């Protein structure tokens, strides 16, 4: 999980058969924080959290 300042704040290890399966599991973790999916040093995908909407 990526913090508001762009730095890693929490790491979750997942094991999947392929990149597509890993992406499907990682997207479930997007809950208020951006998620970066990596396989060692290889970046597979990045999932951005939806920006907060404020009422005016």
PDB file of N, CA and C in Angstrom:
ATOM      1  N   UNK A   1       0.841  -1.163   0.000  1.00  0.00           N
ATOM      2  CA  UNK A   1       0.000   0.000   0.000  1.00  0.00           C
ATOM      3  C   UNK A   1       0.887   1.227   0.000  1.00  0.00           C
ATOM      4  N   UNK A   2       0.459   2.213  -0.751  1.00  0.00           N
ATOM      5  CA  UNK A   2       1.228   3.438  -0.902  1.00  0.00           C
ATOM      6  C   UNK A   2       0.562   4.539  -0.083  1.00  0.00           C
ATOM      7  N   UNK A   3       1.333   5.236   0.737  1.00  0.00           N
ATOM      8  CA  UNK A   3       0.806   6.319   1.563  1.00  0.00           C
ATOM      9  C   UNK A   3       0.595   7.588   0.758  1.00  0.00           C
ATOM     10  N   UNK A   4      -0.001   8.569   1.411  1.00  0.00           N
ATOM     11  CA  UNK A   4      -0.306   9.849   0.752  1.00  0.00           C
ATOM     12  C   UNK A   4       0.947  10.538   0.239  1.00  0.00           C
ATOM     13  N   UNK A   5       2.098  10.252   0.850  1.00  0.00           N
ATOM     14  CA  UNK A   5       3.347  10.887   0.430  1.00  0.00           C
ATOM     15  C   UNK A   5       4.065  10.100  -0.674  1.00  0.00           C
ATOM     16  N   UNK A   6       3.451   9.003  -1.141  1.00  0.00           N
ATOM     17  CA  UNK A   6       4.038   8.219  -2.216  1.00  0.00           C
ATOM     18  C   UNK A   6       4.980   7.118  -1.760  1.00  0.00           C
ATOM     19  N   UNK A   7       5.158   6.959  -0.458  1.00  0.00           N
ATOM     20  CA  UNK A   7       6.053   5.933   0.068  1.00  0.00           C
ATOM     21  C   UNK A   7       5.265   4.701   0.522  1.00  0.00           C
ATOM     22  N   UNK A   8       5.929   3.570   0.484  1.00  0.00           N
ATOM     23  CA  UNK A   8       5.337   2.317   0.925  1.00  0.00           C
ATOM     24  C   UNK A   8       4.991   2.402   2.409  1.00  0.00           C
ATOM     25  N   UNK A   9       3.754   2.042   2.771  1.00  0.00           N
ATOM     26  CA  UNK A   9       3.354   2.046   4.173  1.00  0.00           C
ATOM     27  C   UNK A   9       3.011   0.649   4.688  1.00  0.00           C
ATOM     28  N   UNK A  10       2.696  -0.263   3.778  1.00  0.00           N
ATOM     29  CA  UNK A  10       2.327  -1.602   4.193  1.00  0.00           C
ATOM     30  C   UNK A  10       2.524  -2.555   3.020  1.00  0.00           C
ATOM     31  N   UNK A  11       2.977  -3.734   3.307  1.00  0.00           N
ATOM     32  CA  UNK A  11       3.228  -4.725   2.260  1.00  0.00           C
ATOM     33  C   UNK A  11       2.403  -5.977   2.537  1.00  0.00           C
ATOM     34  N   UNK A  12       1.779  -6.492   1.502  1.00  0.00           N
ATOM     35  CA  UNK A  12       1.020  -7.730   1.583  1.00  0.00           C
ATOM     36  C   UNK A  12       1.580  -8.679   0.530  1.00  0.00           C
ATOM     37  N   UNK A  13       2.021  -9.845   0.949  1.00  0.00           N
ATOM     38  CA  UNK A  13       2.523 -10.851   0.009  1.00  0.00           C
ATOM     39  C   UNK A  13       1.364 -11.739  -0.432  1.00  0.00           C
ATOM     40  N   UNK A  14       1.219 -11.890  -1.743  1.00  0.00           N
ATOM     41  CA  UNK A  14       0.209 -12.792  -2.284  1.00  0.00           C
ATOM     42  C   UNK A  14       0.892 -13.731  -3.271  1.00  0.00           C
ATOM     43  N   UNK A  15       0.374 -14.945  -3.396  1.00  0.00           N
ATOM     44  CA  UNK A  15       0.897 -15.907  -4.358  1.00  0.00           C
ATOM     45  C   UNK A  15      -0.194 -16.249  -5.346  1.00  0.00           C
ATOM     46  N   UNK A  16       0.119 -16.111  -6.623  1.00  0.00           N
ATOM     47  CA  UNK A  16      -0.837 -16.403  -7.689  1.00  0.00           C
ATOM     48  C   UNK A  16      -0.110 -17.105  -8.834  1.00  0.00           C
ATOM     49  N   UNK A  17      -0.889 -17.767  -9.676  1.00  0.00           N
ATOM     50  CA  UNK A  17      -0.307 -18.510 -10.798  1.00  0.00           C
ATOM     51  C   UNK A  17       0.228 -17.609 -11.900  1.00  0.00           C
ATOM     52  N   UNK A  18      -0.384 -16.412 -12.079  1.00  0.00           N
ATOM     53  CA  UNK A  18       0.059 -15.523 -13.149  1.00  0.00           C
ATOM     54  C   UNK A  18      -0.281 -14.071 -12.807  1.00  0.00           C
ATOM     55  N   UNK A  19       0.178 -13.150 -13.654  1.00  0.00           N
ATOM     56  CA  UNK A  19      -0.033 -11.722 -13.410  1.00  0.00           C
ATOM     57  C   UNK A  19      -1.512 -11.351 -13.342  1.00  0.00           C
ATOM     58  N   UNK A  20      -2.326 -11.956 -14.204  1.00  0.00           N
ATOM     59  CA  UNK A  20      -3.746 -11.627 -14.242  1.00  0.00           C
ATOM     60  C   UNK A  20      -4.437 -12.011 -12.932  1.00  0.00           C
ATOM     61  N   UNK A  21      -4.110 -13.161 -12.401  1.00  0.00           N
ATOM     62  CA  UNK A  21      -4.687 -13.594 -11.127  1.00  0.00           C
ATOM     63  C   UNK A  21      -4.217 -12.682  -9.994  1.00  0.00           C
ATOM     64  N   UNK A  22      -2.952 -12.274 -10.036  1.00  0.00           N
ATOM     65  CA  UNK A  22      -2.425 -11.367  -9.014  1.00  0.00           C
ATOM     66  C   UNK A  22      -3.120 -10.007  -9.080  1.00  0.00           C
ATOM     67  N   UNK A  23      -3.368  -9.513 -10.290  1.00  0.00           N
ATOM     68  CA  UNK A  23      -4.074  -8.236 -10.441  1.00  0.00           C
ATOM     69  C   UNK A  23      -5.486  -8.330  -9.876  1.00  0.00           C
ATOM     70  N   UNK A  24      -6.168  -9.431 -10.136  1.00  0.00           N
ATOM     71  CA  UNK A  24      -7.533  -9.606  -9.632  1.00  0.00           C
ATOM     72  C   UNK A  24      -7.570  -9.613  -8.106  1.00  0.00           C
ATOM     73  N   UNK A  25      -6.565 -10.184  -7.483  1.00  0.00           N
ATOM     74  CA  UNK A  25      -6.515 -10.198  -6.004  1.00  0.00           C
ATOM     75  C   UNK A  25      -6.077  -8.856  -5.455  1.00  0.00           C
ATOM     76  N   UNK A  26      -5.112  -8.212  -6.105  1.00  0.00           N
ATOM     77  CA  UNK A  26      -4.586  -6.942  -5.599  1.00  0.00           C
ATOM     78  C   UNK A  26      -5.630  -5.829  -5.645  1.00  0.00           C
ATOM     79  N   UNK A  27      -6.468  -5.836  -6.664  1.00  0.00           N
ATOM     80  CA  UNK A  27      -7.456  -4.759  -6.788  1.00  0.00           C
ATOM     81  C   UNK A  27      -8.442  -4.786  -5.621  1.00  0.00           C
ATOM     82  N   UNK A  28      -8.609  -5.937  -5.001  1.00  0.00           N
ATOM     83  CA  UNK A  28      -9.485  -6.039  -3.830  1.00  0.00           C
ATOM     84  C   UNK A  28      -8.913  -5.303  -2.619  1.00  0.00           C
ATOM     85  N   UNK A  29      -7.618  -5.006  -2.647  1.00  0.00           N
ATOM     86  CA  UNK A  29      -6.963  -4.316  -1.523  1.00  0.00           C
ATOM     87  C   UNK A  29      -7.087  -2.794  -1.603  1.00  0.00           C
ATOM     88  N   UNK A  30      -7.567  -2.274  -2.724  1.00  0.00           N
ATOM     89  CA  UNK A  30      -7.671  -0.823  -2.886  1.00  0.00           C
ATOM     90  C   UNK A  30      -8.807  -0.329  -2.004  1.00  0.00           C
ATOM     91  N   UNK A  31      -8.441   0.287  -0.882  1.00  0.00           N
ATOM     92  CA  UNK A  31      -9.427   0.779   0.072  1.00  0.00           C
ATOM     93  C   UNK A  31      -8.843   1.990   0.799  1.00  0.00           C
ATOM     94  N   UNK A  32      -8.800   3.109   0.094  1.00  0.00           N
ATOM     95  CA  UNK A  32      -8.264   4.322   0.704  1.00  0.00           C
ATOM     96  C   UNK A  32      -6.783   4.536   0.463  1.00  0.00           C
ATOM     97  N   UNK A  33      -6.098   3.544  -0.085  1.00  0.00           N
ATOM     98  CA  UNK A  33      -4.676   3.655  -0.408  1.00  0.00           C
ATOM     99  C   UNK A  33      -4.449   3.128  -1.821  1.00  0.00           C
ATOM    100  N   UNK A  34      -3.490   3.711  -2.508  1.00  0.00           N
ATOM    101  CA  UNK A  34      -3.084   3.183  -3.809  1.00  0.00           C
ATOM    102  C   UNK A  34      -2.355   1.864  -3.583  1.00  0.00           C
ATOM    103  N   UNK A  35      -2.407   0.995  -4.566  1.00  0.00           N
ATOM    104  CA  UNK A  35      -1.756  -0.305  -4.490  1.00  0.00           C
ATOM    105  C   UNK A  35      -0.792  -0.439  -5.669  1.00  0.00           C
ATOM    106  N   UNK A  36       0.417  -0.886  -5.374  1.00  0.00           N
ATOM    107  CA  UNK A  36       1.387  -1.180  -6.424  1.00  0.00           C
ATOM    108  C   UNK A  36       1.668  -2.673  -6.369  1.00  0.00           C
ATOM    109  N   UNK A  37       1.457  -3.344  -7.481  1.00  0.00           N
ATOM    110  CA  UNK A  37       1.656  -4.791  -7.571  1.00  0.00           C
ATOM    111  C   UNK A  37       3.012  -5.055  -8.209  1.00  0.00           C
ATOM    112  N   UNK A  38       3.842  -5.825  -7.504  1.00  0.00           N
ATOM    113  CA  UNK A  38       5.189  -6.109  -7.984  1.00  0.00           C
ATOM    114  C   UNK A  38       5.477  -7.596  -7.889  1.00  0.00           C
ATOM    115  N   UNK A  39       6.348  -8.057  -8.755  1.00  0.00           N
ATOM    116  CA  UNK A  39       6.906  -9.398  -8.691  1.00  0.00           C
ATOM    117  C   UNK A  39       8.405  -9.201  -8.558  1.00  0.00           C
ATOM    118  N   UNK A  40       8.871  -9.190  -7.323  1.00  0.00           N
ATOM    119  CA  UNK A  40      10.271  -8.835  -7.074  1.00  0.00           C
ATOM    120  C   UNK A  40      10.509  -7.400  -7.489  1.00  0.00           C
ATOM    121  N   UNK A  41      11.448  -7.157  -8.379  1.00  0.00           N
ATOM    122  CA  UNK A  41      11.737  -5.813  -8.846  1.00  0.00           C
ATOM    123  C   UNK A  41      10.893  -5.368 -10.027  1.00  0.00           C
ATOM    124  N   UNK A  42      10.039  -6.259 -10.532  1.00  0.00           N
ATOM    125  CA  UNK A  42       9.226  -5.946 -11.714  1.00  0.00           C
ATOM    126  C   UNK A  42       7.867  -5.403 -11.299  1.00  0.00           C
ATOM    127  N   UNK A  43       7.560  -4.192 -11.750  1.00  0.00           N
ATOM    128  CA  UNK A  43       6.253  -3.600 -11.483  1.00  0.00           C
ATOM    129  C   UNK A  43       5.244  -4.166 -12.472  1.00  0.00           C
ATOM    130  N   UNK A  44       4.169  -4.751 -11.951  1.00  0.00           N
ATOM    131  CA  UNK A  44       3.140  -5.359 -12.787  1.00  0.00           C
ATOM    132  C   UNK A  44       2.020  -4.362 -13.063  1.00  0.00           C
ATOM    133  N   UNK A  45       1.542  -3.698 -12.005  1.00  0.00           N
ATOM    134  CA  UNK A  45       0.414  -2.780 -12.158  1.00  0.00           C
ATOM    135  C   UNK A  45       0.359  -1.836 -10.966  1.00  0.00           C
ATOM    136  N   UNK A  46      -0.388  -0.757 -11.135  1.00  0.00           N
ATOM    137  CA  UNK A  46      -0.651   0.180 -10.045  1.00  0.00           C
ATOM    138  C   UNK A  46      -2.140   0.497 -10.070  1.00  0.00           C
ATOM    139  N   UNK A  47      -2.753   0.438  -8.903  1.00  0.00           N
ATOM    140  CA  UNK A  47      -4.176   0.706  -8.774  1.00  0.00           C
ATOM    141  C   UNK A  47      -4.360   1.933  -7.888  1.00  0.00           C
ATOM    142  N   UNK A  48      -5.036   2.934  -8.410  1.00  0.00           N
ATOM    143  CA  UNK A  48      -5.249   4.187  -7.679  1.00  0.00           C
ATOM    144  C   UNK A  48      -6.606   4.151  -6.988  1.00  0.00           C
ATOM    145  N   UNK A  49      -6.637   4.651  -5.774  1.00  0.00           N
ATOM    146  CA  UNK A  49      -7.896   4.773  -5.064  1.00  0.00           C
ATOM    147  C   UNK A  49      -8.675   5.950  -5.647  1.00  0.00           C
ATOM    148  N   UNK A  50      -9.967   5.868  -5.571  1.00  0.00           N
ATOM    149  CA  UNK A  50     -10.807   6.965  -6.082  1.00  0.00           C
ATOM    150  C   UNK A  50     -10.641   8.185  -5.185  1.00  0.00           C
ATOM    151  N   UNK A  51     -10.525   9.385  -5.771  1.00  0.00           N
ATOM    152  CA  UNK A  51     -10.394  10.581  -4.947  1.00  0.00           C
ATOM    153  C   UNK A  51     -11.661  10.822  -4.138  1.00  0.00           C
ATOM    154  N   UNK A  52     -11.494  11.388  -2.958  1.00  0.00           N
ATOM    155  CA  UNK A  52     -12.634  11.697  -2.110  1.00  0.00           C
ATOM    156  C   UNK A  52     -13.414  12.867  -2.705  1.00  0.00           C
ATOM    157  N   UNK A  53     -14.709  12.753  -2.663  1.00  0.00           N
ATOM    158  CA  UNK A  53     -15.574  13.840  -3.119  1.00  0.00           C
ATOM    159  C   UNK A  53     -16.130  14.561  -1.903  1.00  0.00           C
ATOM    160  N   UNK A  54     -16.105  15.858  -1.933  1.00  0.00           N
ATOM    161  CA  UNK A  54     -16.644  16.645  -0.837  1.00  0.00           C
ATOM    162  C   UNK A  54     -17.893  17.358  -1.305  1.00  0.00           C
ATOM    163  N   UNK A  55     -18.839  17.462  -0.430  1.00  0.00           N
ATOM    164  CA  UNK A  55     -20.091  18.153  -0.771  1.00  0.00           C
ATOM    165  C   UNK A  55     -19.898  19.656  -0.626  1.00  0.00           C
ATOM    166  N   UNK A  56     -20.456  20.388  -1.556  1.00  0.00           N
ATOM    167  CA  UNK A  56     -20.391  21.845  -1.498  1.00  0.00           C
ATOM    168  C   UNK A  56     -21.750  22.421  -1.270  1.00  0.00           C
TER     169      UNK A  56
END
